[in-house]
Amino acid sequence: MFALRRWWDRYATRAGIATLVIGLAWAMRQSQGAVIYEIYQVLTSPLHPGLTQAERLENAYILELQQRVIELENQNQGLRENINYADSQGKVTIAAVIGRSADNWWQQITVNKGSSDGVTEGDMATGPGGLVGRVLSVSPSTSQILLITDPTSQMGVKVSRSRALGVVRGNVDGRVVMQFFETTPDVKPGDVIVTSSYSRLFPQGVPVGRIESMDLKKSPAPEAVIQLSSPLNILEWVTIHPFEAKTDVNAPPAEIVDDKATP
């Protein structure tokens, strides 16, 4: 008896705390967290004077509706911008991005326009800011677009300021790499890069991006990392331009670039 009393005097506080913790854990399990929610409501009630639970739920619902309206306004604004751009470009098709795999985020996208809308393989796709890629395959109602960031994609480009020529190849990190034809090109960070007349699959002068960094000592040819002007990571709409094959490319054979677009 004396030993029991001695044990109680020594461990009573710990036993009480353990019992309380076990009891709270059991109550949370049985109520699926309702106890914590009620405690939270009691503690935060001074911050919401005069608001009942129904009023708080109504306010949350109103906030959700406001956020939905903002999102719809942003989508409509983007669509209007694309429509205005399409009107200025002649016969083009506006398409929404409806599919994109996490495994090939920087390789391909799926859009909601296909052969029944006049889209054909090889058509150019642009987005806000510049070049996106080209149509790889079509079905009656959808199209697969190969992005310019795909490692299999390449195209002839030039520096808008100095006219230095080169070829751009895709890179899976969302940027592209430009390899110059010259050993000492006249380039600097911030220079604008556009498609050149030596690109067989894209018309010249389409914006691609800006030079972010350079390695002019790179072997066998100088290189530059290009920050794309079109935000491919958040792309929602694209403009599809009919493909116009080039039959006459006036350039030395070594400078003609054969664009690749294989899956």
C-alpha atoms as a PDB file:
ATOM      1  CA  MET A   1       0.000   0.000   0.000  1.00  0.00           C
ATOM      2  CA  PHE A   2       2.820   2.339   0.886  1.00  0.00           C
ATOM      3  CA  ALA A   3       4.567   1.506  -2.382  1.00  0.00           C
ATOM      4  CA  LEU A   4       1.403   2.210  -4.375  1.00  0.00           C
ATOM      5  CA  ARG A   5       0.929   5.566  -2.649  1.00  0.00           C
ATOM      6  CA  ARG A   6       4.543   6.430  -3.238  1.00  0.00           C
ATOM      7  CA  TRP A   7       4.190   5.545  -6.925  1.00  0.00           C
ATOM      8  CA  TRP A   8       1.043   7.663  -7.194  1.00  0.00           C
ATOM      9  CA  ASP A   9       2.705  10.701  -5.621  1.00  0.00           C
ATOM     10  CA  ARG A  10       5.562  10.339  -8.044  1.00  0.00           C
ATOM     11  CA  TYR A  11       3.749   9.582 -11.318  1.00  0.00           C
ATOM     12  CA  ALA A  12       0.261  10.998 -10.820  1.00  0.00           C
ATOM     13  CA  THR A  13       0.897  14.021 -13.046  1.00  0.00           C
ATOM     14  CA  ARG A  14       2.361  11.952 -15.869  1.00  0.00           C
ATOM     15  CA  ALA A  15      -0.455   9.437 -15.647  1.00  0.00           C
ATOM     16  CA  GLY A  16      -3.011  12.230 -15.806  1.00  0.00           C
ATOM     17  CA  ILE A  17      -1.398  13.785 -18.881  1.00  0.00           C
ATOM     18  CA  ALA A  18      -1.150  10.404 -20.609  1.00  0.00           C
ATOM     19  CA  THR A  19      -4.802   9.691 -19.864  1.00  0.00           C
ATOM     20  CA  LEU A  20      -5.808  13.102 -21.210  1.00  0.00           C
ATOM     21  CA  VAL A  21      -3.819  12.616 -24.420  1.00  0.00           C
ATOM     22  CA  ILE A  22      -5.277   9.155 -24.996  1.00  0.00           C
ATOM     23  CA  GLY A  23      -8.770  10.494 -24.313  1.00  0.00           C
ATOM     24  CA  LEU A  24      -8.333  13.374 -26.788  1.00  0.00           C
ATOM     25  CA  ALA A  25      -6.950  11.032 -29.431  1.00  0.00           C
ATOM     26  CA  TRP A  26      -9.921   8.698 -28.987  1.00  0.00           C
ATOM     27  CA  ALA A  27     -12.359  11.639 -29.150  1.00  0.00           C
ATOM     28  CA  MET A  28     -10.751  12.928 -32.358  1.00  0.00           C
ATOM     29  CA  ARG A  29     -10.962   9.490 -33.922  1.00  0.00           C
ATOM     30  CA  GLN A  30     -14.598   9.062 -32.975  1.00  0.00           C
ATOM     31  CA  SER A  31     -15.611  12.569 -34.084  1.00  0.00           C
ATOM     32  CA  GLN A  32     -13.332  12.646 -37.170  1.00  0.00           C
ATOM     33  CA  GLY A  33     -11.729  15.926 -36.101  1.00  0.00           C
ATOM     34  CA  ALA A  34     -14.920  17.672 -35.013  1.00  0.00           C
ATOM     35  CA  VAL A  35     -13.484  18.322 -31.565  1.00  0.00           C
ATOM     36  CA  ILE A  36     -10.530  20.231 -33.026  1.00  0.00           C
ATOM     37  CA  TYR A  37     -12.877  22.183 -35.295  1.00  0.00           C
ATOM     38  CA  GLU A  38     -15.082  23.180 -32.370  1.00  0.00           C
ATOM     39  CA  ILE A  39     -12.055  24.274 -30.339  1.00  0.00           C
ATOM     40  CA  TYR A  40     -10.885  26.314 -33.348  1.00  0.00           C
ATOM     41  CA  GLN A  41     -14.305  27.938 -33.642  1.00  0.00           C
ATOM     42  CA  VAL A  42     -14.268  28.912 -29.961  1.00  0.00           C
ATOM     43  CA  LEU A  43     -10.761  30.370 -30.160  1.00  0.00           C
ATOM     44  CA  THR A  44     -11.409  32.332 -33.373  1.00  0.00           C
ATOM     45  CA  SER A  45     -14.923  33.496 -32.585  1.00  0.00           C
ATOM     46  CA  PRO A  46     -13.645  36.855 -31.212  1.00  0.00           C
ATOM     47  CA  LEU A  47     -12.191  37.507 -34.650  1.00  0.00           C
ATOM     48  CA  HIS A  48     -15.643  37.106 -36.268  1.00  0.00           C
ATOM     49  CA  PRO A  49     -17.991  39.019 -33.983  1.00  0.00           C
ATOM     50  CA  GLY A  50     -21.644  38.585 -34.746  1.00  0.00           C
ATOM     51  CA  LEU A  51     -21.198  35.992 -37.516  1.00  0.00           C
ATOM     52  CA  THR A  52     -23.028  32.720 -37.225  1.00  0.00           C
ATOM     53  CA  GLN A  53     -21.792  29.516 -38.809  1.00  0.00           C
ATOM     54  CA  ALA A  54     -24.379  29.894 -41.602  1.00  0.00           C
ATOM     55  CA  GLU A  55     -23.168  33.421 -42.319  1.00  0.00           C
ATOM     56  CA  ARG A  56     -19.558  32.288 -42.478  1.00  0.00           C
ATOM     57  CA  LEU A  57     -20.511  29.534 -44.929  1.00  0.00           C
ATOM     58  CA  GLU A  58     -22.417  32.060 -47.037  1.00  0.00           C
ATOM     59  CA  ASN A  59     -19.405  34.387 -47.104  1.00  0.00           C
ATOM     60  CA  ALA A  60     -17.164  31.518 -48.163  1.00  0.00           C
ATOM     61  CA  TYR A  61     -19.585  30.650 -50.975  1.00  0.00           C
ATOM     62  CA  ILE A  62     -19.654  34.292 -52.146  1.00  0.00           C
ATOM     63  CA  LEU A  63     -15.843  34.374 -52.117  1.00  0.00           C
ATOM     64  CA  GLU A  64     -15.759  31.215 -54.250  1.00  0.00           C
ATOM     65  CA  LEU A  65     -18.159  32.785 -56.776  1.00  0.00           C
ATOM     66  CA  GLN A  66     -16.026  35.928 -56.933  1.00  0.00           C
ATOM     67  CA  GLN A  67     -12.937  33.848 -57.637  1.00  0.00           C
ATOM     68  CA  ARG A  68     -14.766  31.957 -60.377  1.00  0.00           C
ATOM     69  CA  VAL A  69     -15.830  35.244 -61.983  1.00  0.00           C
ATOM     70  CA  ILE A  70     -12.229  36.499 -61.932  1.00  0.00           C
ATOM     71  CA  GLU A  71     -11.019  33.281 -63.593  1.00  0.00           C
ATOM     72  CA  LEU A  72     -13.715  33.507 -66.286  1.00  0.00           C
ATOM     73  CA  GLU A  73     -12.790  37.145 -66.957  1.00  0.00           C
ATOM     74  CA  ASN A  74      -9.136  36.171 -67.367  1.00  0.00           C
ATOM     75  CA  GLN A  75     -10.062  33.358 -69.757  1.00  0.00           C
ATOM     76  CA  ASN A  76     -12.302  35.674 -71.776  1.00  0.00           C
ATOM     77  CA  GLN A  77      -9.551  38.292 -71.943  1.00  0.00           C
ATOM     78  CA  GLY A  78      -7.094  35.709 -73.265  1.00  0.00           C
ATOM     79  CA  LEU A  79      -9.625  34.536 -75.844  1.00  0.00           C
ATOM     80  CA  ARG A  80     -10.348  38.091 -76.983  1.00  0.00           C
ATOM     81  CA  GLU A  81      -6.634  38.774 -77.415  1.00  0.00           C
ATOM     82  CA  ASN A  82      -6.277  35.630 -79.522  1.00  0.00           C
ATOM     83  CA  ILE A  83      -9.303  36.545 -81.642  1.00  0.00           C
ATOM     84  CA  ASN A  84      -7.932  40.045 -82.255  1.00  0.00           C
ATOM     85  CA  TYR A  85      -4.576  38.541 -83.193  1.00  0.00           C
ATOM     86  CA  ALA A  86      -6.272  36.049 -85.508  1.00  0.00           C
ATOM     87  CA  ASP A  87      -8.173  38.844 -87.257  1.00  0.00           C
ATOM     88  CA  SER A  88      -4.875  40.576 -87.995  1.00  0.00           C
ATOM     89  CA  GLN A  89      -3.219  37.415 -89.312  1.00  0.00           C
ATOM     90  CA  GLY A  90      -5.766  36.315 -91.885  1.00  0.00           C
ATOM     91  CA  LYS A  91      -6.907  32.695 -92.064  1.00  0.00           C
ATOM     92  CA  VAL A  92      -5.841  31.120 -88.797  1.00  0.00           C
ATOM     93  CA  THR A  93      -7.458  28.847 -86.216  1.00  0.00           C
ATOM     94  CA  ILE A  94      -7.759  29.517 -82.488  1.00  0.00           C
ATOM     95  CA  ALA A  95      -7.467  26.349 -80.394  1.00  0.00           C
ATOM     96  CA  ALA A  96      -7.604  25.632 -76.675  1.00  0.00           C
ATOM     97  CA  VAL A  97      -5.030  23.414 -74.985  1.00  0.00           C
ATOM     98  CA  ILE A  98      -6.960  20.406 -73.658  1.00  0.00           C
ATOM     99  CA  GLY A  99      -4.240  17.870 -72.924  1.00  0.00           C
ATOM    100  CA  ARG A 100      -0.709  17.769 -71.580  1.00  0.00           C
ATOM    101  CA  SER A 101       1.160  14.908 -69.987  1.00  0.00           C
ATOM    102  CA  ALA A 102       3.323  15.469 -66.926  1.00  0.00           C
ATOM    103  CA  ASP A 103       5.817  13.007 -68.421  1.00  0.00           C
ATOM    104  CA  ASN A 104       6.349  15.107 -71.560  1.00  0.00           C
ATOM    105  CA  TRP A 105       5.316  18.566 -70.365  1.00  0.00           C
ATOM    106  CA  TRP A 106       7.846  20.337 -72.577  1.00  0.00           C
ATOM    107  CA  GLN A 107       7.401  18.020 -75.575  1.00  0.00           C
ATOM    108  CA  GLN A 108       3.782  17.997 -76.777  1.00  0.00           C
ATOM    109  CA  ILE A 109       0.334  19.464 -76.173  1.00  0.00           C
ATOM    110  CA  THR A 110      -3.122  18.491 -77.424  1.00  0.00           C
ATOM    111  CA  VAL A 111      -5.549  21.138 -78.715  1.00  0.00           C
ATOM    112  CA  ASN A 112      -9.263  20.989 -79.483  1.00  0.00           C
ATOM    113  CA  LYS A 113      -9.118  21.661 -83.222  1.00  0.00           C
ATOM    114  CA  GLY A 114      -8.391  19.108 -85.939  1.00  0.00           C
ATOM    115  CA  SER A 115      -8.819  18.244 -89.592  1.00  0.00           C
ATOM    116  CA  SER A 116     -12.528  19.109 -89.559  1.00  0.00           C
ATOM    117  CA  ASP A 117     -11.482  22.658 -88.622  1.00  0.00           C
ATOM    118  CA  GLY A 118      -8.937  22.881 -91.440  1.00  0.00           C
ATOM    119  CA  VAL A 119      -5.863  22.032 -89.366  1.00  0.00           C
ATOM    120  CA  THR A 120      -3.218  19.971 -91.190  1.00  0.00           C
ATOM    121  CA  GLU A 121       0.097  18.389 -90.264  1.00  0.00           C
ATOM    122  CA  GLY A 122       2.943  20.879 -90.402  1.00  0.00           C
ATOM    123  CA  ASP A 123       0.867  23.937 -89.519  1.00  0.00           C
ATOM    124  CA  MET A 124       2.655  26.462 -87.292  1.00  0.00           C
ATOM    125  CA  ALA A 125       1.383  27.151 -83.771  1.00  0.00           C
ATOM    126  CA  THR A 126       2.016  30.442 -81.973  1.00  0.00           C
ATOM    127  CA  GLY A 127       0.955  31.724 -78.573  1.00  0.00           C
ATOM    128  CA  PRO A 128       1.112  34.972 -76.649  1.00  0.00           C
ATOM    129  CA  GLY A 129       4.628  36.266 -77.288  1.00  0.00           C
ATOM    130  CA  GLY A 130       5.778  34.086 -80.151  1.00  0.00           C
ATOM    131  CA  LEU A 131       6.432  30.641 -81.566  1.00  0.00           C
ATOM    132  CA  VAL A 132       5.056  27.540 -79.813  1.00  0.00           C
ATOM    133  CA  GLY A 133       5.676  24.702 -82.258  1.00  0.00           C
ATOM    134  CA  ARG A 134       4.108  22.879 -85.185  1.00  0.00           C
ATOM    135  CA  VAL A 135       1.283  20.408 -85.705  1.00  0.00           C
ATOM    136  CA  LEU A 136       2.613  16.870 -85.540  1.00  0.00           C
ATOM    137  CA  SER A 137      -0.580  14.877 -86.124  1.00  0.00           C
ATOM    138  CA  VAL A 138      -4.302  15.517 -86.478  1.00  0.00           C
ATOM    139  CA  SER A 139      -7.593  13.755 -85.906  1.00  0.00           C
ATOM    140  CA  PRO A 140     -11.004  15.102 -86.933  1.00  0.00           C
ATOM    141  CA  SER A 141     -11.407  17.091 -83.707  1.00  0.00           C
ATOM    142  CA  THR A 142      -7.956  17.326 -82.052  1.00  0.00           C
ATOM    143  CA  SER A 143      -4.313  17.959 -82.940  1.00  0.00           C
ATOM    144  CA  GLN A 144      -0.968  17.092 -81.376  1.00  0.00           C
ATOM    145  CA  ILE A 145       1.518  19.981 -81.368  1.00  0.00           C
ATOM    146  CA  LEU A 146       5.245  19.354 -81.065  1.00  0.00           C
ATOM    147  CA  LEU A 147       6.675  22.133 -78.904  1.00  0.00           C
ATOM    148  CA  ILE A 148       9.907  23.882 -79.858  1.00  0.00           C
ATOM    149  CA  THR A 149      11.296  22.760 -76.483  1.00  0.00           C
ATOM    150  CA  ASP A 150      11.141  19.113 -77.576  1.00  0.00           C
ATOM    151  CA  PRO A 151      14.712  17.754 -77.975  1.00  0.00           C
ATOM    152  CA  THR A 152      13.830  16.450 -81.455  1.00  0.00           C
ATOM    153  CA  SER A 153      12.771  19.899 -82.687  1.00  0.00           C
ATOM    154  CA  GLN A 154      15.151  22.321 -84.394  1.00  0.00           C
ATOM    155  CA  MET A 155      14.829  25.371 -86.647  1.00  0.00           C
ATOM    156  CA  GLY A 156      16.851  28.084 -88.312  1.00  0.00           C
ATOM    157  CA  VAL A 157      16.951  31.387 -86.428  1.00  0.00           C
ATOM    158  CA  LYS A 158      18.787  34.701 -86.405  1.00  0.00           C
ATOM    159  CA  VAL A 159      19.651  37.481 -84.001  1.00  0.00           C
ATOM    160  CA  SER A 160      17.345  40.357 -84.878  1.00  0.00           C
ATOM    161  CA  ARG A 161      19.920  43.066 -84.062  1.00  0.00           C
ATOM    162  CA  SER A 162      23.082  41.709 -85.683  1.00  0.00           C
ATOM    163  CA  ARG A 163      21.519  39.171 -88.117  1.00  0.00           C
ATOM    164  CA  ALA A 164      23.835  36.446 -86.761  1.00  0.00           C
ATOM    165  CA  LEU A 165      22.539  33.074 -87.903  1.00  0.00           C
ATOM    166  CA  GLY A 166      22.211  29.775 -86.136  1.00  0.00           C
ATOM    167  CA  VAL A 167      19.992  26.835 -85.299  1.00  0.00           C
ATOM    168  CA  VAL A 168      17.832  26.352 -82.228  1.00  0.00           C
ATOM    169  CA  ARG A 169      17.317  22.961 -80.612  1.00  0.00           C
ATOM    170  CA  GLY A 170      14.834  22.021 -77.942  1.00  0.00           C
ATOM    171  CA  ASN A 171      15.716  21.480 -74.318  1.00  0.00           C
ATOM    172  CA  VAL A 172      13.460  19.730 -71.789  1.00  0.00           C
ATOM    173  CA  ASP A 173      13.942  22.398 -69.109  1.00  0.00           C
ATOM    174  CA  GLY A 174      11.647  24.876 -70.887  1.00  0.00           C
ATOM    175  CA  ARG A 175      14.384  26.775 -72.689  1.00  0.00           C
ATOM    176  CA  VAL A 176      16.064  26.199 -76.016  1.00  0.00           C
ATOM    177  CA  VAL A 177      19.710  26.319 -77.061  1.00  0.00           C
ATOM    178  CA  MET A 178      20.955  28.247 -80.107  1.00  0.00           C
ATOM    179  CA  GLN A 179      24.101  27.082 -81.872  1.00  0.00           C
ATOM    180  CA  PHE A 180      25.695  29.789 -84.021  1.00  0.00           C
ATOM    181  CA  PHE A 181      27.140  29.267 -87.479  1.00  0.00           C
ATOM    182  CA  GLU A 182      29.882  31.847 -86.862  1.00  0.00           C
ATOM    183  CA  THR A 183      32.790  31.247 -84.525  1.00  0.00           C
ATOM    184  CA  THR A 184      32.635  34.839 -83.190  1.00  0.00           C
ATOM    185  CA  PRO A 185      28.998  35.953 -83.488  1.00  0.00           C
ATOM    186  CA  ASP A 186      27.918  39.497 -82.630  1.00  0.00           C
ATOM    187  CA  VAL A 187      25.502  38.697 -79.792  1.00  0.00           C
ATOM    188  CA  LYS A 188      24.769  39.842 -76.253  1.00  0.00           C
ATOM    189  CA  PRO A 189      22.266  38.993 -73.502  1.00  0.00           C
ATOM    190  CA  GLY A 190      18.831  40.392 -74.262  1.00  0.00           C
ATOM    191  CA  ASP A 191      19.150  40.108 -78.044  1.00  0.00           C
ATOM    192  CA  VAL A 192      15.879  39.105 -79.705  1.00  0.00           C
ATOM    193  CA  ILE A 193      15.837  35.789 -81.597  1.00  0.00           C
ATOM    194  CA  VAL A 194      13.456  35.229 -84.540  1.00  0.00           C
ATOM    195  CA  THR A 195      13.061  32.552 -87.188  1.00  0.00           C
ATOM    196  CA  SER A 196      15.265  33.025 -90.240  1.00  0.00           C
ATOM    197  CA  SER A 197      14.615  32.612 -93.941  1.00  0.00           C
ATOM    198  CA  TYR A 198      16.700  29.406 -93.819  1.00  0.00           C
ATOM    199  CA  SER A 199      14.084  27.620 -91.740  1.00  0.00           C
ATOM    200  CA  ARG A 200      12.183  25.318 -94.066  1.00  0.00           C
ATOM    201  CA  LEU A 201       9.119  24.785 -91.873  1.00  0.00           C
ATOM    202  CA  PHE A 202       8.526  28.219 -90.320  1.00  0.00           C
ATOM    203  CA  PRO A 203       8.143  31.627 -91.971  1.00  0.00           C
ATOM    204  CA  GLN A 204      10.881  34.130 -91.188  1.00  0.00           C
ATOM    205  CA  GLY A 205      10.544  36.812 -88.533  1.00  0.00           C
ATOM    206  CA  VAL A 206       8.460  34.849 -86.008  1.00  0.00           C
ATOM    207  CA  PRO A 207       9.573  35.786 -82.460  1.00  0.00           C
ATOM    208  CA  VAL A 208      11.223  32.947 -80.557  1.00  0.00           C
ATOM    209  CA  GLY A 209      12.739  34.573 -77.460  1.00  0.00           C
ATOM    210  CA  ARG A 210      15.729  36.450 -76.067  1.00  0.00           C
ATOM    211  CA  ILE A 211      19.299  35.440 -75.288  1.00  0.00           C
ATOM    212  CA  GLU A 212      19.582  34.680 -71.599  1.00  0.00           C
ATOM    213  CA  SER A 213      23.205  33.525 -71.405  1.00  0.00           C
ATOM    214  CA  MET A 214      26.049  32.646 -73.783  1.00  0.00           C
ATOM    215  CA  ASP A 215      29.042  30.341 -74.036  1.00  0.00           C
ATOM    216  CA  LEU A 216      31.107  31.740 -76.893  1.00  0.00           C
ATOM    217  CA  LYS A 217      33.949  29.303 -76.169  1.00  0.00           C
ATOM    218  CA  LYS A 218      31.752  26.260 -76.605  1.00  0.00           C
ATOM    219  CA  SER A 219      33.110  23.648 -79.001  1.00  0.00           C
ATOM    220  CA  PRO A 220      32.483  22.931 -81.841  1.00  0.00           C
ATOM    221  CA  ALA A 221      30.410  26.144 -82.079  1.00  0.00           C
ATOM    222  CA  PRO A 222      29.355  29.000 -79.749  1.00  0.00           C
ATOM    223  CA  GLU A 223      26.010  28.525 -78.013  1.00  0.00           C
ATOM    224  CA  ALA A 224      23.403  30.631 -76.229  1.00  0.00           C
ATOM    225  CA  VAL A 225      20.510  29.715 -73.940  1.00  0.00           C
ATOM    226  CA  ILE A 226      17.261  31.286 -75.168  1.00  0.00           C
ATOM    227  CA  GLN A 227      14.466  32.324 -72.851  1.00  0.00           C
ATOM    228  CA  LEU A 228      11.285  31.777 -74.877  1.00  0.00           C
ATOM    229  CA  SER A 229       8.945  34.715 -75.372  1.00  0.00           C
ATOM    230  CA  SER A 230       5.827  32.527 -75.257  1.00  0.00           C
ATOM    231  CA  PRO A 231       5.060  31.110 -71.778  1.00  0.00           C
ATOM    232  CA  LEU A 232       4.783  27.439 -72.711  1.00  0.00           C
ATOM    233  CA  ASN A 233       4.434  26.332 -69.093  1.00  0.00           C
ATOM    234  CA  ILE A 234       1.062  28.100 -68.669  1.00  0.00           C
ATOM    235  CA  LEU A 235      -0.180  27.931 -72.264  1.00  0.00           C
ATOM    236  CA  GLU A 236      -3.993  27.806 -72.582  1.00  0.00           C
ATOM    237  CA  TRP A 237      -4.634  28.956 -76.166  1.00  0.00           C
ATOM    238  CA  VAL A 238      -2.703  28.723 -79.413  1.00  0.00           C
ATOM    239  CA  THR A 239      -3.105  30.198 -82.878  1.00  0.00           C
ATOM    240  CA  ILE A 240      -2.609  27.719 -85.711  1.00  0.00           C
ATOM    241  CA  HIS A 241      -1.317  29.093 -89.019  1.00  0.00           C
ATOM    242  CA  PRO A 242      -1.628  27.152 -92.304  1.00  0.00           C
ATOM    243  CA  PHE A 243       1.643  25.607 -93.440  1.00  0.00           C
ATOM    244  CA  GLU A 244       3.228  27.154 -96.522  1.00  0.00           C
ATOM    245  CA  ALA A 245       6.043  25.046 -97.929  1.00  0.00           C
ATOM    246  CA  LYS A 246       9.156  26.853 -99.106  1.00  0.00           C
ATOM    247  CA  THR A 247      10.189  25.882-102.607  1.00  0.00           C
ATOM    248  CA  ASP A 248      13.090  28.303-103.005  1.00  0.00           C
ATOM    249  CA  VAL A 249      15.607  28.849-100.252  1.00  0.00           C
ATOM    250  CA  ASN A 250      18.434  31.057-101.459  1.00  0.00           C
ATOM    251  CA  ALA A 251      21.223  30.167 -99.083  1.00  0.00           C
ATOM    252  CA  PRO A 252      24.525  28.314 -99.170  1.00  0.00           C
ATOM    253  CA  PRO A 253      23.983  24.575 -98.571  1.00  0.00           C
ATOM    254  CA  ALA A 254      25.864  24.666 -95.251  1.00  0.00           C
ATOM    255  CA  GLU A 255      23.462  27.233 -93.854  1.00  0.00           C
ATOM    256  CA  ILE A 256      20.174  25.640 -94.866  1.00  0.00           C
ATOM    257  CA  VAL A 257      18.512  24.146 -91.814  1.00  0.00           C
ATOM    258  CA  ASP A 258      16.319  21.052 -92.146  1.00  0.00           C
ATOM    259  CA  ASP A 259      13.829  21.314 -89.299  1.00  0.00           C
ATOM    260  CA  LYS A 260      13.084  18.043 -87.532  1.00  0.00           C
ATOM    261  CA  ALA A 261       9.761  17.124 -86.004  1.00  0.00           C
ATOM    262  CA  THR A 262       9.728  13.461 -85.214  1.00  0.00           C
ATOM    263  CA  PRO A 263       7.894  12.131 -82.176  1.00  0.00           C
END
